[in-house]
Protein backbone atom coordinates (compact mmCIF):
# COMPACT_ATOMS: atom_id res chain seq x y z
CA THR A 1 94.97 98.60 160.39
CA ALA A 2 96.17 96.67 157.35
CA TYR A 3 94.10 98.91 155.06
CA ALA A 4 95.63 102.05 156.59
CA ILE A 5 99.18 100.70 156.25
CA ASN A 6 98.55 99.67 152.64
CA HIS A 7 97.15 103.14 151.85
CA ILE A 8 100.02 105.03 153.52
CA ALA A 9 102.87 102.78 152.35
CA PRO A 10 101.79 100.49 149.49
CA SER A 11 105.26 98.99 149.05
CA VAL A 12 105.41 97.65 152.63
CA ARG A 13 104.94 93.90 153.06
CA ILE A 14 101.95 93.27 155.31
CA CYS A 15 101.29 90.10 157.31
CA ALA A 16 98.25 89.67 159.57
CA GLU A 17 96.69 87.25 162.03
CA LEU A 18 93.00 86.42 162.10
CA THR A 19 90.90 84.40 164.48
CA GLU A 20 88.15 83.88 161.89
CA ALA A 21 88.92 82.56 158.40
CA SER A 22 85.86 84.29 156.94
CA ASN A 23 87.68 87.64 157.19
CA GLU A 24 90.66 86.52 155.10
CA GLN A 25 89.02 87.64 151.84
CA HIS A 26 89.03 91.27 153.06
CA LEU A 27 92.77 91.20 153.72
CA ARG A 28 93.51 89.52 150.37
CA ARG A 29 91.55 92.27 148.61
CA ILE A 30 94.04 94.89 149.86
CA ASN A 31 97.09 92.75 148.96
CA VAL A 32 98.05 91.45 152.40
CA GLN A 33 100.72 88.88 151.48
CA ASP A 34 100.55 86.49 154.42
CA VAL A 35 97.53 85.76 156.58
CA VAL A 36 97.70 83.42 159.57
CA VAL A 37 94.36 82.06 160.71
CA SER A 38 95.18 80.82 164.19
CA THR A 39 92.40 78.20 164.25
CA ASP A 40 93.58 76.51 161.01
CA TYR A 41 96.17 74.32 162.70
CA SER A 42 94.67 73.33 166.05
CA GLY A 43 92.88 70.23 164.66
CA TYR A 44 96.06 69.07 162.94
CA LEU A 45 98.10 69.52 166.11
CA LEU A 46 95.56 67.72 168.29
CA GLY A 47 95.26 64.83 165.83
CA ASN A 48 99.02 64.40 165.67
CA ALA A 49 99.29 64.53 169.46
CA VAL A 50 97.09 61.42 169.55
CA PHE A 51 98.17 59.46 166.49
CA SER A 52 101.79 60.53 165.88
CA PRO A 53 103.59 60.98 169.19
CA GLY A 54 106.51 63.40 168.97
CA ILE A 55 105.24 65.55 166.09
CA LEU A 56 103.53 68.04 168.43
CA GLN A 57 106.73 68.43 170.44
CA LEU A 58 108.74 68.88 167.24
CA ILE A 59 106.42 71.60 165.97
CA LYS A 60 106.45 73.35 169.35
CA GLU A 61 110.25 73.39 169.35
CA LEU A 62 110.52 74.65 165.78
CA LEU A 63 108.04 77.47 166.44
CA SER A 64 109.63 78.53 169.73
CA TYR A 65 112.65 80.80 170.09
CA GLU A 66 113.22 79.75 173.70
CA ARG A 67 114.58 76.28 173.08
CA GLY A 68 116.35 74.07 170.59
CA SER A 69 116.22 74.61 166.86
CA SER A 70 114.07 77.00 164.84
CA PHE A 71 113.27 77.84 161.24
CA TYR A 72 115.47 80.48 159.61
CA SER A 73 115.35 82.11 156.20
CA ALA A 74 118.22 83.63 154.24
CA PRO A 75 119.20 84.40 150.66
CA VAL A 76 121.08 81.65 148.86
CA PRO A 77 124.78 82.15 149.72
CA ARG A 78 126.58 83.75 146.76
CA ALA A 79 128.97 80.80 146.53
CA PHE A 80 126.01 78.49 145.78
CA LEU A 81 124.32 80.51 143.02
CA GLY A 82 124.14 78.26 139.97
CA ARG A 83 124.79 75.16 142.07
CA THR A 84 122.19 72.65 143.27
CA ALA A 85 119.96 72.42 146.32
CA GLY A 86 121.61 69.06 147.09
CA GLU A 87 125.03 70.69 147.30
CA LEU A 88 123.69 73.42 149.58
CA ALA A 89 121.84 70.88 151.76
CA ASN A 90 125.06 68.90 152.17
CA TYR A 91 127.01 72.07 153.03
CA TYR A 92 124.39 73.16 155.59
CA LYS A 93 124.39 69.73 157.26
CA THR A 94 128.16 69.23 157.38
CA GLU A 95 129.32 72.81 158.01
CA ARG A 96 126.46 74.33 160.06
CA ASN A 97 124.60 71.29 161.42
CA ALA A 98 121.47 72.69 159.75
CA ILE A 99 118.75 71.04 157.64
CA LEU A 100 117.62 72.61 154.36
CA THR A 101 113.82 72.34 154.34
CA ALA A 102 112.59 74.59 151.54
CA ILE A 103 113.44 77.00 148.73
CA VAL A 104 111.42 80.20 148.39
CA VAL A 105 111.15 81.40 144.81
CA ARG A 106 110.53 85.16 144.83
CA GLU A 107 108.68 86.25 141.72
CA LYS A 108 108.68 89.86 140.57
CA GLY A 109 105.59 91.96 140.79
CA LEU A 110 103.83 93.41 137.79
CA THR A 111 105.78 96.09 135.91
CA LEU A 112 105.04 98.12 132.82
CA ASP A 113 107.90 96.42 130.98
CA SER A 114 106.54 92.98 131.80
CA LEU A 115 103.17 94.03 130.35
CA LEU A 116 104.69 95.44 127.18
CA ARG A 117 107.30 92.66 126.84
CA GLY A 118 110.05 95.08 125.80
CA GLU A 119 108.36 95.97 122.53
CA THR A 120 109.28 99.25 120.80
CA SER A 121 106.17 99.82 118.73
CA GLU A 122 104.55 103.27 118.54
CA ILE A 123 101.64 102.09 120.68
CA ASP A 124 104.00 100.81 123.38
CA GLU A 125 105.97 104.07 123.34
CA PHE A 126 102.69 106.02 123.64
CA ILE A 127 101.70 103.87 126.65
CA ARG A 128 105.11 104.39 128.28
CA GLN A 129 104.84 108.15 127.73
CA ARG A 130 101.34 108.30 129.27
CA PHE A 131 102.55 106.39 132.35
CA ALA A 132 105.55 108.72 132.68
CA GLU A 133 103.24 111.75 132.46
CA ALA A 134 101.03 110.33 135.20
CA ASP A 135 103.99 110.88 137.57
CA ARG A 136 102.83 108.00 139.79
CA ASP A 137 104.03 104.46 140.15
CA LEU A 138 100.82 102.62 139.35
CA PHE A 139 102.49 99.28 140.03
CA ALA A 140 103.79 100.15 143.54
CA GLY A 141 101.06 98.12 145.22
CA ASP A 142 102.10 94.89 143.46
CA LYS A 143 104.77 93.41 145.69
CA GLY A 144 105.20 90.17 143.75
CA THR A 145 104.56 86.65 144.93
CA SER A 146 106.52 83.84 146.50
CA ARG A 147 106.34 80.12 145.89
CA VAL A 148 107.68 77.70 148.51
CA ILE A 149 109.15 74.37 147.45
CA VAL A 150 109.32 72.12 150.52
CA ASN A 151 111.96 69.38 150.39
CA PRO A 152 113.35 70.66 147.08
CA PRO A 153 114.77 68.15 144.60
CA ALA A 154 118.53 67.69 144.99
CA ASP A 155 119.12 68.72 141.36
CA MET A 156 117.21 72.03 141.63
CA GLN A 157 119.49 74.83 140.45
CA LEU A 158 119.76 77.77 142.87
CA GLU A 159 119.19 81.27 141.52
CA LYS A 160 119.47 84.87 142.69
CA ASN A 161 115.70 85.14 143.32
CA HIS A 162 115.75 82.16 145.71
CA ASP A 163 115.85 82.17 149.48
CA VAL A 164 116.43 79.11 151.62
CA ILE A 165 114.55 78.00 154.71
CA PHE A 166 116.42 75.74 157.07
CA ILE A 167 116.29 74.36 160.59
CA ALA A 168 119.21 75.31 162.82
CA SER A 169 120.07 76.07 166.42
CA ALA A 170 121.23 79.59 165.51
CA PRO A 171 120.51 82.16 162.77
CA PRO A 172 122.78 82.21 159.72
CA PRO A 173 125.87 84.43 159.74
CA LYS A 174 125.61 87.61 157.65
CA GLU A 175 127.20 87.35 154.21
């Protein structure tokens, strides 16, 4: 199914679940961004149930929409662009009773300009012309990558390509 979706709509973000980790390589080969292997976490959860009482219940609550708090993701509020993660964490806690847990840094996918680095040499212009004549976006399948910084440093400066992940009892209001 993932292969068919990728072939029909290469710019669509694809996430998949597997029951066997050995099949993950096949999904990575066709640029599936996120793969959940359901058996990866059962040992961790069972171990914590025995040795760290309360962690299993916490994880169950955070992963459930039926009760309590959940994880939410949103772009950095415009008012906090250029400010620090510490300032945003304080705002979330005091104004929304939410806990900032991570920053997602969205990195651009591969583009022709990033390959050529903005050069204006004759060779670069020839390459640009050949790509234009191809009349296809050869980079459409590259959807970029994301890096997650859990418990970000308080002095981390927030940028336009950042999203925030936080724990709250309700989703964020639309900006």
